[in-house]
C-alpha atoms as a PDB file:
ATOM      1  CA  MET A   1      21.160  -1.697  -0.521  1.00  0.00           C
ATOM      2  CA  GLN A   2      17.386  -2.805  -0.741  1.00  0.00           C
ATOM      3  CA  SER A   3      16.347  -6.264   0.733  1.00  0.00           C
ATOM      4  CA  PRO A   4      15.333  -8.263  -2.215  1.00  0.00           C
ATOM      5  CA  ILE A   5      11.749  -8.292  -0.824  1.00  0.00           C
ATOM      6  CA  ARG A   6      11.337  -4.766  -0.750  1.00  0.00           C
ATOM      7  CA  ARG A   7      13.026  -4.576  -4.343  1.00  0.00           C
ATOM      8  CA  TYR A   8      10.502  -7.209  -5.818  1.00  0.00           C
ATOM      9  CA  LEU A   9       7.508  -6.154  -3.717  1.00  0.00           C
ATOM     10  CA  PRO A  10       5.633  -4.538  -6.469  1.00  0.00           C
ATOM     11  CA  HIS A  11       5.899  -7.351  -8.769  1.00  0.00           C
ATOM     12  CA  LEU A  12       4.661  -9.814  -6.400  1.00  0.00           C
ATOM     13  CA  LEU A  13       1.775  -8.014  -5.113  1.00  0.00           C
ATOM     14  CA  VAL A  14       0.756  -7.996  -8.916  1.00  0.00           C
ATOM     15  CA  GLY A  15       1.092 -11.557  -9.362  1.00  0.00           C
ATOM     16  CA  LEU A  16      -0.865 -12.612  -6.298  1.00  0.00           C
ATOM     17  CA  THR A  17      -3.239 -10.383  -7.711  1.00  0.00           C
ATOM     18  CA  ILE A  18      -3.771 -12.122 -10.836  1.00  0.00           C
ATOM     19  CA  SER A  19      -3.341 -15.283  -9.225  1.00  0.00           C
ATOM     20  CA  LEU A  20      -6.393 -14.381  -6.881  1.00  0.00           C
ATOM     21  CA  ILE A  21      -8.770 -13.071  -9.715  1.00  0.00           C
ATOM     22  CA  MET A  22      -8.157 -16.401 -11.953  1.00  0.00           C
ATOM     23  CA  VAL A  23      -9.040 -18.632  -8.820  1.00  0.00           C
ATOM     24  CA  GLY A  24     -12.188 -16.317  -8.306  1.00  0.00           C
ATOM     25  CA  ALA A  25     -13.065 -16.663 -11.849  1.00  0.00           C
ATOM     26  CA  TYR A  26     -12.673 -20.460 -11.699  1.00  0.00           C
ATOM     27  CA  LEU A  27     -14.679 -20.987  -8.686  1.00  0.00           C
ATOM     28  CA  ALA A  28     -17.660 -18.602 -10.395  1.00  0.00           C
ATOM     29  CA  VAL A  29     -17.860 -20.867 -13.326  1.00  0.00           C
ATOM     30  CA  GLY A  30     -17.442 -23.952 -11.472  1.00  0.00           C
ATOM     31  CA  PHE A  31     -20.425 -22.890  -9.160  1.00  0.00           C
ATOM     32  CA  ALA A  32     -22.394 -21.608 -12.095  1.00  0.00           C
ATOM     33  CA  SER A  33     -22.357 -24.951 -13.751  1.00  0.00           C
ATOM     34  CA  LEU A  34     -23.503 -27.020 -10.707  1.00  0.00           C
ATOM     35  CA  THR A  35     -26.534 -24.913 -10.734  1.00  0.00           C
ATOM     36  CA  ALA A  36     -27.332 -25.008 -14.361  1.00  0.00           C
ATOM     37  CA  PRO A  37     -30.662 -26.703 -15.038  1.00  0.00           C
ATOM     38  CA  LYS A  38     -31.540 -29.894 -16.011  1.00  0.00           C
ATOM     39  CA  ALA A  39     -33.929 -32.032 -17.621  1.00  0.00           C
ATOM     40  CA  LEU A  40     -35.255 -35.280 -16.032  1.00  0.00           C
ATOM     41  CA  TRP A  41     -37.548 -37.485 -18.568  1.00  0.00           C
ATOM     42  CA  SER A  42     -38.734 -40.494 -17.416  1.00  0.00           C
ATOM     43  CA  VAL A  43     -37.678 -42.227 -20.295  1.00  0.00           C
ATOM     44  CA  ASN A  44     -35.195 -41.455 -22.775  1.00  0.00           C
ATOM     45  CA  PRO A  45     -34.664 -42.711 -25.743  1.00  0.00           C
ATOM     46  CA  VAL A  46     -38.364 -43.077 -26.518  1.00  0.00           C
ATOM     47  CA  THR A  47     -39.842 -44.705 -29.946  1.00  0.00           C
ATOM     48  CA  ILE A  48     -42.864 -44.389 -31.676  1.00  0.00           C
ATOM     49  CA  ALA A  49     -44.111 -46.919 -33.918  1.00  0.00           C
ATOM     50  CA  PHE A  50     -47.280 -46.716 -36.276  1.00  0.00           C
ATOM     51  CA  SER A  51     -48.505 -47.817 -39.458  1.00  0.00           C
ATOM     52  CA  GLY A  52     -48.748 -45.172 -42.122  1.00  0.00           C
ATOM     53  CA  SER A  53     -50.915 -46.947 -44.211  1.00  0.00           C
ATOM     54  CA  ALA A  54     -53.559 -44.288 -43.992  1.00  0.00           C
ATOM     55  CA  GLY A  55     -50.922 -42.283 -45.621  1.00  0.00           C
ATOM     56  CA  ILE A  56     -51.226 -38.269 -44.914  1.00  0.00           C
ATOM     57  CA  GLY A  57     -52.498 -37.970 -41.200  1.00  0.00           C
ATOM     58  CA  SER A  58     -51.424 -41.183 -40.051  1.00  0.00           C
ATOM     59  CA  SER A  59     -49.648 -40.571 -36.705  1.00  0.00           C
ATOM     60  CA  GLY A  60     -48.695 -42.315 -33.330  1.00  0.00           C
ATOM     61  CA  SER A  61     -47.972 -41.083 -29.760  1.00  0.00           C
ATOM     62  CA  VAL A  62     -46.078 -41.840 -26.809  1.00  0.00           C
ATOM     63  CA  GLY A  63     -47.035 -40.014 -23.408  1.00  0.00           C
ATOM     64  CA  GLU A  64     -43.640 -38.596 -21.334  1.00  0.00           C
ATOM     65  CA  VAL A  65     -43.181 -37.147 -17.940  1.00  0.00           C
ATOM     66  CA  VAL A  66     -40.427 -34.347 -17.861  1.00  0.00           C
ATOM     67  CA  LYS A  67     -39.243 -32.418 -14.779  1.00  0.00           C
ATOM     68  CA  CYS A  68     -36.457 -29.775 -14.499  1.00  0.00           C
ATOM     69  CA  ALA A  69     -34.058 -29.349 -11.577  1.00  0.00           C
ATOM     70  CA  PRO A  70     -33.772 -26.433 -10.381  1.00  0.00           C
ATOM     71  CA  LYS A  71     -37.226 -24.984 -11.697  1.00  0.00           C
ATOM     72  CA  VAL A  72     -37.459 -22.763 -14.717  1.00  0.00           C
ATOM     73  CA  GLU A  73     -40.044 -20.762 -15.872  1.00  0.00           C
ATOM     74  CA  ASN A  74     -41.619 -20.222 -19.201  1.00  0.00           C
ATOM     75  CA  VAL A  75     -40.272 -22.855 -21.203  1.00  0.00           C
ATOM     76  CA  VAL A  76     -41.310 -23.826 -24.831  1.00  0.00           C
ATOM     77  CA  PHE A  77     -40.698 -27.584 -26.000  1.00  0.00           C
ATOM     78  CA  HIS A  78     -38.732 -27.317 -29.649  1.00  0.00           C
ATOM     79  CA  THR A  79     -38.717 -30.637 -31.896  1.00  0.00           C
ATOM     80  CA  ALA A  80     -36.737 -31.342 -34.681  1.00  0.00           C
ATOM     81  CA  VAL A  81     -36.891 -35.068 -36.933  1.00  0.00           C
ATOM     82  CA  SER A  82     -34.402 -36.338 -39.402  1.00  0.00           C
ATOM     83  CA  ASN A  83     -36.437 -35.915 -42.542  1.00  0.00           C
ATOM     84  CA  PRO A  84     -38.993 -32.611 -42.221  1.00  0.00           C
ATOM     85  CA  THR A  85     -40.332 -33.386 -45.742  1.00  0.00           C
ATOM     86  CA  LYS A  86     -41.943 -36.600 -44.877  1.00  0.00           C
ATOM     87  CA  LEU A  87     -42.767 -36.896 -40.990  1.00  0.00           C
ATOM     88  CA  SER A  88     -43.433 -34.009 -38.458  1.00  0.00           C
ATOM     89  CA  LEU A  89     -42.787 -34.121 -34.737  1.00  0.00           C
ATOM     90  CA  SER A  90     -44.834 -32.206 -32.359  1.00  0.00           C
ATOM     91  CA  VAL A  91     -45.331 -31.726 -28.431  1.00  0.00           C
ATOM     92  CA  SER A  92     -48.499 -30.933 -26.736  1.00  0.00           C
ATOM     93  CA  PRO A  93     -48.555 -28.930 -24.657  1.00  0.00           C
ATOM     94  CA  GLY A  94     -46.169 -26.876 -26.598  1.00  0.00           C
ATOM     95  CA  GLY A  95     -44.701 -25.586 -23.601  1.00  0.00           C
ATOM     96  CA  GLU A  96     -45.411 -24.755 -19.814  1.00  0.00           C
ATOM     97  CA  ALA A  97     -45.407 -21.372 -17.260  1.00  0.00           C
ATOM     98  CA  THR A  98     -42.997 -23.743 -14.955  1.00  0.00           C
ATOM     99  CA  CYS A  99     -40.823 -26.789 -15.198  1.00  0.00           C
ATOM    100  CA  GLY A 100     -39.947 -28.064 -11.816  1.00  0.00           C
ATOM    101  CA  PRO A 101     -39.845 -30.893  -9.330  1.00  0.00           C
ATOM    102  CA  ALA A 102     -43.374 -31.652  -9.965  1.00  0.00           C
ATOM    103  CA  PRO A 103     -43.816 -34.255 -12.698  1.00  0.00           C
ATOM    104  CA  ASP A 104     -45.415 -32.694 -15.999  1.00  0.00           C
ATOM    105  CA  PRO A 105     -46.899 -35.314 -18.759  1.00  0.00           C
ATOM    106  CA  VAL A 106     -46.251 -34.189 -22.520  1.00  0.00           C
ATOM    107  CA  THR A 107     -47.249 -36.406 -25.242  1.00  0.00           C
ATOM    108  CA  VAL A 108     -45.268 -36.621 -28.215  1.00  0.00           C
ATOM    109  CA  THR A 109     -46.404 -37.257 -31.650  1.00  0.00           C
ATOM    110  CA  ALA A 110     -45.322 -37.849 -34.954  1.00  0.00           C
ATOM    111  CA  SER A 111     -46.906 -37.594 -38.032  1.00  0.00           C
ATOM    112  CA  CYS A 112     -46.867 -38.622 -41.792  1.00  0.00           C
ATOM    113  CA  LEU A 113     -46.920 -35.853 -44.406  1.00  0.00           C
ATOM    114  CA  VAL A 114     -46.822 -37.786 -47.278  1.00  0.00           C
ATOM    115  CA  ALA A 115     -48.505 -40.564 -49.139  1.00  0.00           C
ATOM    116  CA  ALA A 116     -48.563 -44.419 -47.565  1.00  0.00           C
ATOM    117  CA  PRO A 117     -45.595 -45.880 -49.635  1.00  0.00           C
ATOM    118  CA  ASN A 118     -43.371 -42.366 -48.800  1.00  0.00           C
ATOM    119  CA  CYS A 119     -43.966 -42.662 -45.658  1.00  0.00           C
ATOM    120  CA  LYS A 120     -42.493 -45.921 -44.428  1.00  0.00           C
ATOM    121  CA  GLY A 121     -39.511 -45.826 -42.531  1.00  0.00           C
ATOM    122  CA  THR A 122     -37.283 -45.251 -39.285  1.00  0.00           C
ATOM    123  CA  TYR A 123     -36.600 -41.751 -38.520  1.00  0.00           C
ATOM    124  CA  THR A 124     -34.697 -39.896 -35.654  1.00  0.00           C
ATOM    125  CA  GLY A 125     -36.115 -36.936 -33.761  1.00  0.00           C
ATOM    126  CA  THR A 126     -35.522 -34.710 -30.502  1.00  0.00           C
ATOM    127  CA  VAL A 127     -37.374 -32.875 -28.030  1.00  0.00           C
ATOM    128  CA  THR A 128     -35.522 -29.828 -26.698  1.00  0.00           C
ATOM    129  CA  ILE A 129     -36.775 -27.822 -23.680  1.00  0.00           C
ATOM    130  CA  LEU A 130     -35.556 -24.084 -24.178  1.00  0.00           C
ATOM    131  CA  GLU A 131     -35.978 -21.161 -21.537  1.00  0.00           C
ATOM    132  CA  GLY A 132     -35.550 -18.138 -24.084  1.00  0.00           C
ATOM    133  CA  TYR A 133     -32.393 -19.069 -25.928  1.00  0.00           C
ATOM    134  CA  THR A 134     -30.973 -21.250 -23.164  1.00  0.00           C
ATOM    135  CA  THR A 135     -31.392 -25.092 -23.942  1.00  0.00           C
ATOM    136  CA  ILE A 136     -32.085 -27.034 -20.970  1.00  0.00           C
ATOM    137  CA  PRO A 137     -30.359 -30.713 -21.671  1.00  0.00           C
ATOM    138  CA  PRO A 138     -30.397 -33.365 -21.962  1.00  0.00           C
ATOM    139  CA  SER A 139     -32.779 -33.300 -24.944  1.00  0.00           C
ATOM    140  CA  LEU A 140     -35.291 -36.054 -25.348  1.00  0.00           C
ATOM    141  CA  SER A 141     -34.120 -38.622 -28.208  1.00  0.00           C
ATOM    142  CA  VAL A 142     -37.376 -40.161 -30.320  1.00  0.00           C
ATOM    143  CA  THR A 143     -36.844 -42.981 -32.591  1.00  0.00           C
ATOM    144  CA  ILE A 144     -39.968 -43.033 -35.033  1.00  0.00           C
ATOM    145  CA  VAL A 145     -40.775 -46.243 -36.917  1.00  0.00           C
ATOM    146  CA  VAL A 146     -43.529 -46.453 -39.797  1.00  0.00           C
ATOM    147  CA  THR A 147     -44.593 -49.326 -41.193  1.00  0.00           C
END
């Protein structure tokens, strides 16, 4: 008669192998999330307030400083606004060759796209940093107040 350990040794080895693979995968994901790039905005959220009395072309801007940790290359700024038929949101410059620990100044501008009475209101927007198809969090939250 065989000893119980020898009889179940293949099963124990398979179980141990699967356990080691699972632990390795868990550690790989954990370490990868520690090195994921993050954006550091000087102020988040920001507010842009301006008079829309001139109608189409009325605009307001805010200066912002952004850093990335760790350093990433070839980033672009993507903007979104709550009502794109009335208002546009843009960032200058539109992207950077590198975003790293050195602060990079950017200007966020909101502009009216419609006549003065139709432009008035409060809107929300976001500025997101993209490296290729990857979003670098967090996005900059923008509140736009047109009087």
